[in-house]
Amino acid sequence: MTTTLAADTERLGDVLIREGLLTRAKCDQALAEQRSSGHRLGYVLVKLGLVPELEITKILARQHRMPAVDLSRFEVDPKILKLIPADLANKQVVLPLKREGRTLTVAMADPTNMGVVEDLKFITRYDVFPVLAGEYTLRSIIERHYQQGNDQHLQDILKDMEGQGEDVEIVSEMEDEAATQAQIDDAPVVKLINGLLTDAVRRGASDIHIEPFEFELRVRYRIDGALLEVMKPPLKMKAALTSRIKILSQLNIAERRVPQDGRLKLKMGNRVIDFRVSVLPVLFGEKIVLRILDKGNLTLDLSKFGFEKKAEDDLMAAILNPYGMVLVTGPTGSGKTTTLYSALSRINTIESNIMTAEDPVEYNLMGINQVLVRNEIGLTFAAALKAFLRQDPNIIMIGEIRDLETGSIAIKAALTGHLVLSTLHTNDAPSTITRMIDMGIEAFNVASAVNLVVAQRLVRRVCTECAAPATYKPEEIKSLGLTPEQGKKMPFRKGTGCDVCSGTGYKGRAGLYEVMAMSPELRRMVLRGASVADIQAMAVKEGMLTLRMDGLKKIERGVTTLEEVVKETAA
């Protein structure tokens, strides 16, 4: 790669010298600068003021038989600008200029980079007509216009926040001199953070990612499980923004070498929203992720979760049982904790003593005794569980069964007259049983104690505002485990993209559930050491829906799409 670039730059330099536009000494100066900066020679020559940009563009256009444009004659249309993402425009140095029918004219600085033309065709869904433009001018126009878009978005956020007429303030428990000083010194940063937090809450985001890179700062929201870029604040705000968030979260602003965790509260009118803050040192600064814990958006009514009738009845029967174990499994971010909270809310009465051990405590629930696990001081899940048994509990929730000790105590508690709820990381309900046995828990204890296992996933809902019938190719239907004939009968729906769903076609999330109630036959199979496949086959025979089967029902109802179900379920 280096050789090719070197050859290209030498040819350009030789041409410029031959035509009397550059001396050998000036060419050597530019080549030295080019080697240290990594930029193309043409860009360096213009930056140093050694050769007019128009002359370089003419030579490159002639060499590569490519039309050239004078960018000063073009007025950039913001609507066309949106066709190419900002990160791609900056990285590849390309700019959409005009659209005529199905043809998009795109200015580019590197005439040899034809691969980007194919990428742009795929991204924009237009026929791309490339034209050559001076790199120096092109870069400055890209930076100016895309930055304007970011600034405008930031202004829109702040204006929208003010327009709501809500009192928005960060609830800080550390009103000291440093915090006050940060507010005085960095008023724009204070506005930016308040604006970001409120905007993320209003848009239903679950996380805010603030990511520093070498030449830019990026902010993304996770909405309905997918990350969406929302803005690129000026890079100069990086240090102030990081310090401000660390102060609010009561973290050490001087420590930049190790990860830190904290919390902050945002008051919006009468609502108080918690944020869990994680700061991680990366190559060009500190990456910050804020998990939004909005109790106002927390649905604790199990009947609204989307369980099928039998699955819901089985779950209700299990949590209303005075003893035994109920396990919820699934990957990180699949809503396990929310399911457990909802189950606890259903059985939270004045007659029950409910104890929970969590890492971290995501939501504060009235009437429930919640303990934060802190491994660094010896307060592990196992230690908390041992202490719970001396607190006269009726119901115990363990955030996660991670090891044999925790699992053994939890089983013992379930067998001695307590209802125990917990989570595990497994792919489906039947494999949860074998996972516990593999931990070292005796099969007869597992068979006796476990009453029910729920495996779950979250899929994105089709946006109701832009939903439309969809068709799929036979191979796509086959990936769902259906025959072409079965596929023809399925009422597939898909969002076309609108303002409500920010063009994604999805709005909100729905759960897929695999609920396995432990029948006498299943308990006997566990005792015999049956395989996961055999346990699953028997559970399905008894009426259990697998994740894939539940997904098909959600597709039939128009809740989600084929892509989402295939992505989140195994065959």
Protein backbone atom coordinates (compact mmCIF):
# COMPACT_ATOMS: atom_id res chain seq x y z
CA MET A 1 0.00 0.00 0.00
CA THR A 2 2.81 2.43 0.93
CA THR A 3 4.62 1.77 -2.38
CA THR A 4 1.53 2.60 -4.45
CA LEU A 5 0.97 5.83 -2.61
CA ALA A 6 4.60 6.80 -2.97
CA ALA A 7 4.45 6.13 -6.71
CA ASP A 8 1.32 8.25 -7.08
CA THR A 9 2.79 11.16 -5.18
CA GLU A 10 6.05 11.06 -7.17
CA ARG A 11 4.19 11.20 -10.44
CA LEU A 12 2.17 14.24 -9.32
CA GLY A 13 5.32 15.96 -8.07
CA ASP A 14 7.17 15.26 -11.34
CA VAL A 15 4.31 16.66 -13.41
CA LEU A 16 4.14 19.83 -11.33
CA ILE A 17 7.94 20.32 -11.65
CA ARG A 18 7.83 19.68 -15.43
CA GLU A 19 5.07 22.27 -15.87
CA GLY A 20 6.99 24.84 -13.86
CA LEU A 21 4.46 24.98 -11.01
CA LEU A 22 6.86 23.59 -8.39
CA THR A 23 10.60 23.52 -7.73
CA ARG A 24 12.44 20.33 -6.70
CA ALA A 25 13.32 21.85 -3.31
CA LYS A 26 9.69 22.78 -2.59
CA CYS A 27 8.60 19.31 -3.74
CA ASP A 28 11.04 17.66 -1.30
CA GLN A 29 9.72 19.93 1.48
CA ALA A 30 6.13 18.87 0.72
CA LEU A 31 7.07 15.17 0.54
CA ALA A 32 8.70 15.39 3.97
CA GLU A 33 5.55 17.01 5.38
CA GLN A 34 3.43 14.38 3.61
CA ARG A 35 5.37 11.53 5.22
CA SER A 36 4.94 12.98 8.71
CA SER A 37 1.25 13.95 8.38
CA GLY A 38 0.01 10.98 6.33
CA HIS A 39 -2.02 13.26 4.04
CA ARG A 40 -1.95 13.09 0.23
CA LEU A 41 0.66 15.22 -1.54
CA GLY A 42 -1.90 17.47 -3.26
CA TYR A 43 -3.46 18.36 0.10
CA VAL A 44 -0.05 19.17 1.61
CA LEU A 45 0.97 21.37 -1.35
CA VAL A 46 -2.21 23.45 -1.03
CA LYS A 47 -1.94 23.64 2.77
CA LEU A 48 1.64 24.94 2.51
CA GLY A 49 0.57 27.42 -0.17
CA LEU A 50 3.06 26.04 -2.73
CA VAL A 51 0.66 25.25 -5.63
CA PRO A 52 -2.87 26.57 -6.40
CA GLU A 53 -5.45 23.87 -5.73
CA LEU A 54 -7.16 24.34 -9.08
CA GLU A 55 -3.94 23.44 -10.94
CA ILE A 56 -3.52 20.20 -8.94
CA THR A 57 -7.16 19.26 -9.58
CA LYS A 58 -6.74 19.85 -13.36
CA ILE A 59 -3.65 17.61 -13.49
CA LEU A 60 -5.29 14.78 -11.50
CA ALA A 61 -8.45 15.04 -13.64
CA ARG A 62 -6.34 14.77 -16.80
CA GLN A 63 -4.31 11.82 -15.43
CA HIS A 64 -7.35 9.82 -14.33
CA ARG A 65 -9.74 10.93 -17.11
CA MET A 66 -12.26 12.14 -14.59
CA PRO A 67 -14.42 15.29 -14.60
CA ALA A 68 -13.37 17.98 -12.14
CA VAL A 69 -15.53 20.55 -10.33
CA ASP A 70 -14.96 23.94 -8.79
CA LEU A 71 -16.63 23.64 -5.37
CA SER A 72 -17.07 27.39 -5.05
CA ARG A 73 -19.85 27.13 -7.65
CA PHE A 74 -21.90 24.66 -5.60
CA GLU A 75 -24.36 25.39 -2.82
CA VAL A 76 -24.63 22.30 -0.59
CA ASP A 77 -28.23 21.15 -0.03
CA PRO A 78 -28.73 19.92 3.61
CA LYS A 79 -31.31 17.35 2.38
CA ILE A 80 -28.78 15.80 -0.01
CA LEU A 81 -26.12 15.98 2.70
CA LYS A 82 -28.14 13.50 4.80
CA LEU A 83 -27.74 10.81 2.13
CA ILE A 84 -24.14 10.17 3.20
CA PRO A 85 -23.38 9.66 6.94
CA ALA A 86 -20.99 12.18 8.51
CA ASP A 87 -18.43 9.56 9.57
CA LEU A 88 -18.21 8.14 6.01
CA ALA A 89 -17.96 11.64 4.45
CA ASN A 90 -15.11 12.56 6.81
CA LYS A 91 -13.26 9.27 6.51
CA GLN A 92 -13.42 8.89 2.72
CA VAL A 93 -13.46 12.67 1.93
CA VAL A 94 -16.63 12.55 -0.19
CA LEU A 95 -19.47 15.06 -0.48
CA PRO A 96 -22.86 14.71 -2.24
CA LEU A 97 -23.35 17.70 -4.57
CA LYS A 98 -26.60 17.20 -6.47
CA ARG A 99 -29.32 14.67 -7.23
CA GLU A 100 -30.91 14.26 -10.64
CA GLY A 101 -33.44 11.45 -10.93
CA ARG A 102 -31.67 8.28 -9.75
CA THR A 103 -28.17 9.75 -10.16
CA LEU A 104 -26.23 11.29 -7.28
CA THR A 105 -23.19 13.43 -8.11
CA VAL A 106 -20.49 12.98 -5.46
CA ALA A 107 -17.27 15.00 -5.12
CA MET A 108 -14.22 13.00 -4.06
CA ALA A 109 -10.58 13.84 -3.46
CA ASP A 110 -8.93 10.50 -4.31
CA PRO A 111 -9.52 9.47 -7.94
CA THR A 112 -8.07 6.00 -7.29
CA ASN A 113 -10.57 5.14 -4.56
CA MET A 114 -13.27 3.54 -6.74
CA GLY A 115 -14.23 1.15 -3.93
CA VAL A 116 -15.98 4.00 -2.11
CA VAL A 117 -18.22 4.56 -5.17
CA GLU A 118 -19.60 1.02 -4.79
CA ASP A 119 -20.09 1.58 -1.04
CA LEU A 120 -21.99 4.80 -1.73
CA LYS A 121 -24.23 3.04 -4.27
CA PHE A 122 -25.15 0.48 -1.63
CA ILE A 123 -25.71 3.03 1.16
CA THR A 124 -27.62 5.68 -0.83
CA ARG A 125 -29.46 3.34 -3.26
CA TYR A 126 -28.57 5.79 -6.07
CA ASP A 127 -26.36 5.54 -9.14
CA VAL A 128 -23.23 7.46 -8.15
CA PHE A 129 -21.47 9.81 -10.58
CA PRO A 130 -18.02 10.65 -9.14
CA VAL A 131 -16.32 13.99 -9.84
CA LEU A 132 -12.92 15.21 -8.72
CA ALA A 133 -12.49 18.12 -6.32
CA GLY A 134 -9.57 19.72 -4.51
CA GLU A 135 -8.95 17.83 -1.25
CA TYR A 136 -8.14 20.88 0.88
CA THR A 137 -11.35 22.72 -0.03
CA LEU A 138 -13.40 19.52 0.08
CA ARG A 139 -12.26 18.69 3.62
CA SER A 140 -13.07 22.19 4.90
CA ILE A 141 -16.56 22.12 3.29
CA ILE A 142 -17.28 18.65 4.76
CA GLU A 143 -16.12 19.77 8.19
CA ARG A 144 -18.13 23.00 8.03
CA HIS A 145 -21.42 21.55 6.77
CA TYR A 146 -21.49 18.36 8.81
CA GLN A 147 -20.42 20.28 11.93
CA GLN A 148 -23.23 22.77 11.26
CA GLY A 149 -25.63 19.86 11.24
CA ASN A 150 -24.30 18.71 14.61
CA ASP A 151 -24.42 22.21 16.08
CA GLN A 152 -27.94 22.67 14.79
CA HIS A 153 -28.98 19.35 16.36
CA LEU A 154 -27.46 20.43 19.65
CA GLN A 155 -29.28 23.76 19.45
CA ASP A 156 -32.53 21.95 18.63
CA ILE A 157 -32.09 19.75 21.71
CA LEU A 158 -31.46 22.73 23.97
CA LYS A 159 -34.31 24.72 22.41
CA ASP A 160 -36.67 21.77 22.74
CA MET A 161 -35.69 21.35 26.38
CA GLU A 162 -36.42 25.00 27.09
CA GLY A 163 -39.65 24.86 25.09
CA GLN A 164 -41.04 22.14 27.33
CA GLY A 165 -41.14 24.56 30.22
CA GLU A 166 -39.85 21.91 32.60
CA ASP A 167 -37.49 22.40 35.47
CA VAL A 168 -34.44 20.36 34.55
CA GLU A 169 -31.68 20.05 37.08
CA ILE A 170 -29.02 17.61 38.13
CA VAL A 171 -29.59 16.48 41.69
CA SER A 172 -26.09 16.48 43.16
CA GLU A 173 -25.34 15.11 46.58
CA MET A 174 -21.94 16.79 46.56
CA GLU A 175 -22.39 20.52 46.49
CA ASP A 176 -18.79 21.45 47.08
CA GLU A 177 -16.50 24.12 45.69
CA ALA A 178 -15.28 21.95 42.80
CA ALA A 179 -18.81 21.24 41.60
CA THR A 180 -19.80 24.92 41.85
CA GLN A 181 -16.65 25.97 40.02
CA ALA A 182 -17.36 23.49 37.21
CA GLN A 183 -20.81 25.02 36.77
CA ILE A 184 -19.36 28.53 36.60
CA ASP A 185 -16.51 27.64 34.26
CA ASP A 186 -18.34 25.39 31.85
CA ALA A 187 -21.82 26.80 31.37
CA PRO A 188 -22.03 25.45 27.75
CA VAL A 189 -21.03 22.00 29.00
CA VAL A 190 -23.71 22.14 31.71
CA LYS A 191 -26.31 22.97 29.04
CA LEU A 192 -25.01 20.23 26.75
CA ILE A 193 -25.16 17.54 29.45
CA ASN A 194 -28.62 18.61 30.64
CA GLY A 195 -29.78 18.68 27.03
CA LEU A 196 -28.35 15.24 26.25
CA LEU A 197 -29.80 13.60 29.36
CA THR A 198 -33.30 15.01 28.85
CA ASP A 199 -33.28 14.32 25.10
CA ALA A 200 -32.23 10.69 25.72
CA VAL A 201 -34.98 10.20 28.30
CA ARG A 202 -37.63 11.68 25.99
CA ARG A 203 -36.55 9.47 23.10
CA GLY A 204 -36.75 6.35 25.24
CA ALA A 205 -33.02 5.56 25.13
CA SER A 206 -31.62 2.96 27.52
CA ASP A 207 -27.98 4.13 27.33
CA ILE A 208 -25.94 7.17 26.32
CA HIS A 209 -22.45 6.55 24.89
CA ILE A 210 -19.92 9.42 24.85
CA GLU A 211 -16.86 8.23 22.91
CA PRO A 212 -13.59 10.14 22.35
CA PHE A 213 -11.55 9.45 19.22
CA GLU A 214 -8.41 11.07 17.82
CA PHE A 215 -10.14 13.78 15.79
CA GLU A 216 -13.72 13.75 17.03
CA LEU A 217 -16.09 13.20 19.93
CA ARG A 218 -19.14 11.02 19.26
CA VAL A 219 -22.44 10.71 21.15
CA ARG A 220 -24.74 7.73 20.56
CA TYR A 221 -28.01 6.57 22.13
CA ARG A 222 -29.09 2.96 22.44
CA ILE A 223 -32.76 3.00 21.45
CA ASP A 224 -34.70 -0.28 21.28
CA GLY A 225 -31.45 -2.21 21.55
CA ALA A 226 -29.72 -0.52 18.58
CA LEU A 227 -27.10 2.26 18.74
CA LEU A 228 -27.92 5.51 16.93
CA GLU A 229 -25.47 8.39 16.44
CA VAL A 230 -27.04 11.68 17.55
CA MET A 231 -24.25 14.24 17.45
CA LYS A 232 -20.55 15.05 17.41
CA PRO A 233 -19.83 17.81 19.93
CA PRO A 234 -16.67 19.92 19.35
CA LEU A 235 -13.54 18.02 20.34
CA LYS A 236 -12.45 20.92 22.56
CA MET A 237 -15.37 20.10 24.90
CA LYS A 238 -14.00 16.62 25.66
CA ALA A 239 -12.10 17.42 28.88
CA ALA A 240 -14.80 19.69 30.33
CA LEU A 241 -17.58 17.24 29.48
CA THR A 242 -15.76 14.30 31.08
CA SER A 243 -14.88 16.28 34.22
CA ARG A 244 -18.42 17.57 34.61
CA ILE A 245 -19.98 14.09 34.43
CA LYS A 246 -17.36 12.71 36.85
CA ILE A 247 -18.07 15.49 39.37
CA LEU A 248 -21.82 14.89 39.15
CA SER A 249 -21.30 11.14 39.61
CA GLN A 250 -18.97 11.74 42.59
CA LEU A 251 -16.00 10.18 40.83
CA ASN A 252 -12.32 11.11 41.08
CA ILE A 253 -11.68 13.65 38.29
CA ALA A 254 -7.91 13.34 38.71
CA GLU A 255 -7.93 9.56 38.11
CA ARG A 256 -7.81 8.80 34.39
CA ARG A 257 -6.02 5.43 34.42
CA VAL A 258 -8.60 3.03 35.86
CA PRO A 259 -12.34 2.43 35.25
CA GLN A 260 -14.79 4.15 37.62
CA ASP A 261 -18.48 3.65 38.37
CA GLY A 262 -20.95 6.10 39.85
CA ARG A 263 -24.54 7.37 39.77
CA LEU A 264 -26.31 10.66 39.20
CA LYS A 265 -29.92 11.86 39.37
CA LEU A 266 -31.77 14.10 36.94
CA LYS A 267 -34.86 15.99 38.00
CA MET A 268 -37.33 16.65 35.16
CA GLY A 269 -40.35 18.47 36.56
CA ASN A 270 -41.78 16.09 39.13
CA ARG A 271 -39.80 13.07 37.86
CA VAL A 272 -36.44 11.98 39.24
CA ILE A 273 -34.46 9.73 36.89
CA ASP A 274 -31.39 7.75 37.95
CA PHE A 275 -28.36 7.29 35.71
CA ARG A 276 -25.70 4.64 36.28
CA VAL A 277 -22.36 6.00 35.07
CA SER A 278 -19.40 3.96 33.84
CA VAL A 279 -16.11 5.66 32.90
CA LEU A 280 -13.49 3.62 31.01
CA PRO A 281 -10.00 4.83 29.96
CA VAL A 282 -9.54 4.36 26.18
CA LEU A 283 -6.82 5.37 23.74
CA PHE A 284 -7.88 9.02 23.28
CA GLY A 285 -9.51 9.83 26.60
CA GLU A 286 -12.28 8.29 28.68
CA LYS A 287 -15.38 6.63 27.26
CA ILE A 288 -18.52 7.33 29.29
CA VAL A 289 -21.65 5.19 29.26
CA LEU A 290 -24.73 6.35 31.16
CA ARG A 291 -27.42 3.69 31.76
CA ILE A 292 -30.83 5.37 32.11
CA LEU A 293 -32.90 3.93 34.95
CA ASP A 294 -36.25 5.63 34.41
CA LYS A 295 -38.70 4.19 36.91
CA GLY A 296 -41.51 6.02 35.10
CA ASN A 297 -40.96 3.82 32.03
CA LEU A 298 -40.67 0.62 34.06
CA THR A 299 -43.57 -1.70 33.31
CA LEU A 300 -44.14 -4.05 36.23
CA ASP A 301 -47.41 -5.59 35.03
CA LEU A 302 -46.62 -9.13 33.86
CA SER A 303 -49.86 -9.28 31.87
CA LYS A 304 -48.50 -6.55 29.53
CA PHE A 305 -45.22 -8.35 28.75
CA GLY A 306 -46.57 -10.36 25.82
CA PHE A 307 -46.57 -13.85 27.37
CA GLU A 308 -48.72 -16.44 25.64
CA LYS A 309 -51.69 -17.66 27.74
CA LYS A 310 -50.18 -20.98 28.94
CA ALA A 311 -46.75 -19.39 29.58
CA GLU A 312 -48.29 -16.61 31.67
CA ASP A 313 -50.43 -19.07 33.67
CA ASP A 314 -47.37 -21.27 34.36
CA LEU A 315 -45.31 -18.27 35.49
CA MET A 316 -48.07 -16.96 37.77
CA ALA A 317 -48.50 -20.39 39.36
CA ALA A 318 -44.74 -20.64 40.00
CA ILE A 319 -44.33 -17.20 41.65
CA LEU A 320 -47.43 -17.68 43.79
CA ASN A 321 -45.96 -20.96 45.10
CA PRO A 322 -44.70 -20.44 48.69
CA TYR A 323 -41.44 -22.28 48.00
CA GLY A 324 -39.23 -23.50 45.16
CA MET A 325 -37.03 -21.78 42.60
CA VAL A 326 -37.90 -19.67 39.55
CA LEU A 327 -35.04 -18.94 37.15
CA VAL A 328 -34.90 -16.33 34.35
CA THR A 329 -32.18 -16.77 31.74
CA GLY A 330 -30.92 -14.86 28.75
CA PRO A 331 -28.02 -12.70 27.54
CA THR A 332 -27.12 -9.30 29.00
CA GLY A 333 -29.73 -6.67 28.17
CA SER A 334 -32.56 -9.13 27.51
CA GLY A 335 -34.78 -7.79 30.31
CA LYS A 336 -34.18 -10.50 32.95
CA THR A 337 -34.06 -8.03 35.85
CA THR A 338 -37.27 -6.33 34.70
CA THR A 339 -39.06 -9.70 34.60
CA LEU A 340 -37.87 -10.47 38.14
CA TYR A 341 -38.90 -7.01 39.41
CA SER A 342 -42.32 -7.53 37.87
CA ALA A 343 -42.68 -10.92 39.52
CA LEU A 344 -41.68 -9.40 42.88
CA SER A 345 -44.19 -6.55 42.44
CA ARG A 346 -46.91 -9.13 41.82
CA ILE A 347 -46.20 -10.96 45.09
CA ASN A 348 -45.17 -7.91 47.18
CA THR A 349 -47.67 -7.85 50.03
CA ILE A 350 -47.62 -6.62 53.62
CA GLU A 351 -47.47 -10.25 54.81
CA SER A 352 -44.25 -11.05 52.90
CA ASN A 353 -40.64 -10.30 53.79
CA ILE A 354 -38.83 -9.91 50.45
CA MET A 355 -35.01 -9.70 50.34
CA THR A 356 -32.92 -9.07 47.22
CA ALA A 357 -29.17 -9.16 46.52
CA GLU A 358 -28.28 -7.24 43.35
CA ASP A 359 -25.21 -6.04 41.48
CA PRO A 360 -26.08 -3.27 40.85
CA VAL A 361 -29.47 -2.26 42.34
CA GLU A 362 -31.15 -0.86 39.22
CA TYR A 363 -34.47 0.30 40.65
CA ASN A 364 -35.54 1.09 44.20
CA LEU A 365 -38.77 -0.84 44.90
CA MET A 366 -41.00 0.16 47.82
CA GLY A 367 -41.58 -2.57 50.40
CA ILE A 368 -38.61 -4.69 49.27
CA ASN A 369 -35.31 -4.94 51.19
CA GLN A 370 -32.61 -4.51 48.56
CA VAL A 371 -28.92 -5.21 49.21
CA LEU A 372 -26.10 -4.00 46.96
CA VAL A 373 -23.50 -6.73 46.45
CA ARG A 374 -19.91 -5.45 46.97
CA ASN A 375 -17.33 -8.10 46.22
CA GLU A 376 -14.41 -5.86 47.23
CA ILE A 377 -15.49 -5.96 50.90
CA GLY A 378 -16.61 -9.59 50.89
CA LEU A 379 -20.36 -8.94 50.46
CA THR A 380 -20.81 -11.49 47.68
CA PHE A 381 -24.06 -13.05 46.48
CA ALA A 382 -23.28 -16.09 48.64
CA ALA A 383 -22.52 -13.97 51.73
CA ALA A 384 -25.71 -11.93 51.24
CA LEU A 385 -27.75 -15.11 50.79
CA LYS A 386 -26.37 -16.60 54.03
CA ALA A 387 -27.30 -13.40 55.88
CA PHE A 388 -30.80 -13.39 54.31
CA LEU A 389 -31.57 -16.81 55.81
CA ARG A 390 -31.11 -15.27 59.29
CA GLN A 391 -33.54 -12.41 58.43
CA ASP A 392 -36.73 -14.49 58.41
CA PRO A 393 -37.43 -14.09 54.67
CA ASN A 394 -40.41 -15.37 52.67
CA ILE A 395 -39.07 -14.52 49.23
CA ILE A 396 -35.46 -14.14 48.14
CA MET A 397 -34.13 -12.71 44.88
CA ILE A 398 -30.51 -13.29 43.88
CA GLY A 399 -29.29 -11.10 41.04
CA GLU A 400 -27.29 -13.90 39.43
CA ILE A 401 -26.16 -17.44 40.29
CA ARG A 402 -22.49 -17.26 39.29
CA ASP A 403 -20.87 -20.10 41.21
CA LEU A 404 -21.44 -23.36 43.08
CA GLU A 405 -21.56 -21.74 46.52
CA THR A 406 -24.34 -19.29 45.56
CA GLY A 407 -26.23 -22.01 43.67
CA SER A 408 -26.03 -24.48 46.58
CA ILE A 409 -27.30 -21.98 49.17
CA ALA A 410 -30.09 -20.86 46.80
CA ILE A 411 -31.18 -24.48 46.26
CA LYS A 412 -31.09 -25.11 50.03
CA ALA A 413 -33.25 -22.02 50.61
CA ALA A 414 -35.76 -23.18 47.97
CA LEU A 415 -35.98 -26.62 49.59
CA THR A 416 -36.54 -25.20 53.08
CA GLY A 417 -39.71 -23.27 52.46
CA HIS A 418 -38.58 -20.09 50.64
CA LEU A 419 -39.45 -18.83 47.19
CA VAL A 420 -36.16 -18.07 45.41
CA LEU A 421 -35.91 -16.04 42.20
CA SER A 422 -32.67 -15.66 40.26
CA THR A 423 -31.01 -15.37 36.86
CA LEU A 424 -28.47 -17.37 34.85
CA HIS A 425 -26.71 -16.86 31.53
CA THR A 426 -27.89 -19.72 29.26
CA ASN A 427 -29.25 -19.87 25.71
CA ASP A 428 -32.59 -21.55 26.46
CA ALA A 429 -34.71 -22.95 29.27
CA PRO A 430 -33.75 -26.68 29.09
CA SER A 431 -29.99 -25.98 29.10
CA THR A 432 -30.42 -24.07 32.39
CA ILE A 433 -31.02 -27.35 34.19
CA THR A 434 -27.85 -28.97 32.82
CA ARG A 435 -25.89 -25.75 33.50
CA MET A 436 -26.73 -25.98 37.21
CA ILE A 437 -25.76 -29.65 37.32
CA ASP A 438 -22.48 -28.80 35.53
CA MET A 439 -21.79 -26.22 38.28
CA GLY A 440 -21.67 -29.11 40.73
CA ILE A 441 -25.21 -29.00 42.17
CA GLU A 442 -26.67 -32.49 42.65
CA ALA A 443 -29.26 -33.48 40.04
CA PHE A 444 -31.80 -34.57 42.68
CA ASN A 445 -31.57 -31.13 44.34
CA VAL A 446 -32.09 -29.36 41.00
CA ALA A 447 -35.03 -31.63 40.12
CA SER A 448 -36.64 -31.04 43.52
CA ALA A 449 -36.06 -27.29 43.87
CA VAL A 450 -36.61 -25.78 40.40
CA ASN A 451 -40.28 -25.07 39.64
CA LEU A 452 -39.97 -23.02 36.45
CA VAL A 453 -37.40 -21.64 34.00
CA VAL A 454 -37.99 -18.64 31.72
CA ALA A 455 -35.64 -17.96 28.79
CA GLN A 456 -36.18 -14.60 27.12
CA ARG A 457 -35.00 -12.25 24.40
CA LEU A 458 -35.98 -8.75 23.34
CA VAL A 459 -36.90 -7.94 19.74
CA ARG A 460 -37.71 -4.57 18.22
CA ARG A 461 -41.37 -3.78 17.51
CA VAL A 462 -42.49 -2.76 14.05
CA CYS A 463 -43.35 0.95 14.02
CA THR A 464 -47.15 1.19 13.89
CA GLU A 465 -47.02 4.52 12.02
CA CYS A 466 -45.17 3.21 8.96
CA ALA A 467 -45.83 -0.57 9.08
CA ALA A 468 -46.52 -2.13 5.69
CA PRO A 469 -46.77 -5.70 4.27
CA ALA A 470 -43.37 -7.19 3.48
CA THR A 471 -42.13 -9.99 1.22
CA TYR A 472 -39.03 -12.12 1.68
CA LYS A 473 -36.93 -14.35 -0.54
CA PRO A 474 -37.25 -18.15 -0.15
CA GLU A 475 -33.78 -18.40 1.47
CA GLU A 476 -34.78 -15.74 4.06
CA ILE A 477 -37.97 -17.63 4.89
CA LYS A 478 -35.94 -20.82 5.16
CA SER A 479 -33.69 -19.15 7.78
CA LEU A 480 -36.80 -18.94 9.98
CA GLY A 481 -37.31 -22.72 9.68
CA LEU A 482 -40.37 -22.40 7.40
CA THR A 483 -41.10 -23.94 4.01
CA PRO A 484 -41.84 -21.56 1.08
CA GLU A 485 -45.52 -22.60 1.31
CA GLN A 486 -45.67 -21.75 5.02
CA GLY A 487 -43.88 -18.48 4.27
CA LYS A 488 -46.57 -17.45 1.77
CA LYS A 489 -49.24 -17.76 4.47
CA MET A 490 -47.33 -15.60 6.98
CA PRO A 491 -48.54 -11.97 7.17
CA PHE A 492 -45.04 -10.43 7.26
CA ARG A 493 -44.87 -6.71 8.16
CA LYS A 494 -42.04 -4.21 8.15
CA GLY A 495 -41.63 -0.52 8.94
CA THR A 496 -40.77 1.67 5.94
CA GLY A 497 -39.23 4.40 8.12
CA CYS A 498 -40.83 7.65 9.33
CA ASP A 499 -40.22 10.57 11.72
CA VAL A 500 -41.77 8.68 14.64
CA CYS A 501 -39.21 5.86 14.44
CA SER A 502 -36.32 8.09 13.20
CA GLY A 503 -36.31 6.21 9.90
CA THR A 504 -35.50 2.81 11.47
CA GLY A 505 -38.89 1.14 10.95
CA TYR A 506 -38.93 0.07 14.61
CA LYS A 507 -40.38 1.65 17.74
CA GLY A 508 -40.23 -0.02 21.16
CA ARG A 509 -39.39 -3.62 22.06
CA ALA A 510 -41.29 -6.81 22.75
CA GLY A 511 -40.25 -9.96 24.60
CA LEU A 512 -39.89 -13.50 23.29
CA TYR A 513 -40.42 -16.05 26.05
CA GLU A 514 -39.69 -19.74 26.50
CA VAL A 515 -41.40 -20.84 29.74
CA MET A 516 -40.65 -24.36 30.97
CA ALA A 517 -42.71 -25.48 33.97
CA MET A 518 -41.16 -28.50 35.71
CA SER A 519 -43.69 -31.32 35.43
CA PRO A 520 -43.26 -34.67 37.25
CA GLU A 521 -42.04 -36.22 33.98
CA LEU A 522 -39.43 -33.49 33.44
CA ARG A 523 -38.20 -33.91 37.03
CA ARG A 524 -37.80 -37.66 36.43
CA MET A 525 -35.84 -36.94 33.23
CA VAL A 526 -33.48 -34.64 35.12
CA LEU A 527 -32.89 -37.38 37.71
CA ARG A 528 -32.12 -39.86 34.90
CA GLY A 529 -29.57 -37.43 33.41
CA ALA A 530 -31.49 -36.81 30.18
CA SER A 531 -29.90 -34.61 27.48
CA VAL A 532 -30.93 -31.02 26.78
CA ALA A 533 -32.55 -32.11 23.48
CA ASP A 534 -34.67 -34.77 25.22
CA ILE A 535 -35.77 -32.35 27.97
CA GLN A 536 -36.69 -29.78 25.33
CA ALA A 537 -38.64 -32.33 23.26
CA MET A 538 -40.66 -33.38 26.32
CA ALA A 539 -41.30 -29.74 27.35
CA VAL A 540 -42.55 -28.90 23.83
CA LYS A 541 -44.76 -32.00 23.92
CA GLU A 542 -46.23 -30.67 27.20
CA GLY A 543 -47.06 -27.35 25.56
CA MET A 544 -43.92 -25.21 25.92
CA LEU A 545 -43.22 -22.73 23.12
CA THR A 546 -39.55 -22.37 22.20
CA LEU A 547 -38.14 -18.88 21.59
CA ARG A 548 -38.39 -19.44 17.82
CA MET A 549 -42.03 -20.64 18.10
CA ASP A 550 -42.93 -17.63 20.24
CA GLY A 551 -41.18 -15.42 17.68
CA LEU A 552 -43.34 -16.86 14.88
CA LYS A 553 -46.47 -15.96 16.85
CA LYS A 554 -45.17 -12.40 17.25
CA ILE A 555 -44.56 -12.20 13.47
CA GLU A 556 -48.10 -13.47 12.79
CA ARG A 557 -49.51 -10.66 14.93
CA GLY A 558 -47.37 -8.04 13.16
CA VAL A 559 -45.44 -7.27 16.36
CA THR A 560 -41.96 -7.77 14.91
CA THR A 561 -40.08 -8.74 11.74
CA LEU A 562 -38.46 -11.87 10.37
CA GLU A 563 -34.99 -10.30 10.71
CA GLU A 564 -35.45 -9.63 14.42
CA VAL A 565 -36.66 -13.15 15.23
CA VAL A 566 -33.87 -14.81 13.22
CA LYS A 567 -31.28 -12.55 14.88
CA GLU A 568 -32.44 -13.27 18.44
CA THR A 569 -33.38 -16.98 18.31
CA ALA A 570 -31.57 -20.20 17.55
CA ALA A 571 -33.00 -22.74 15.11
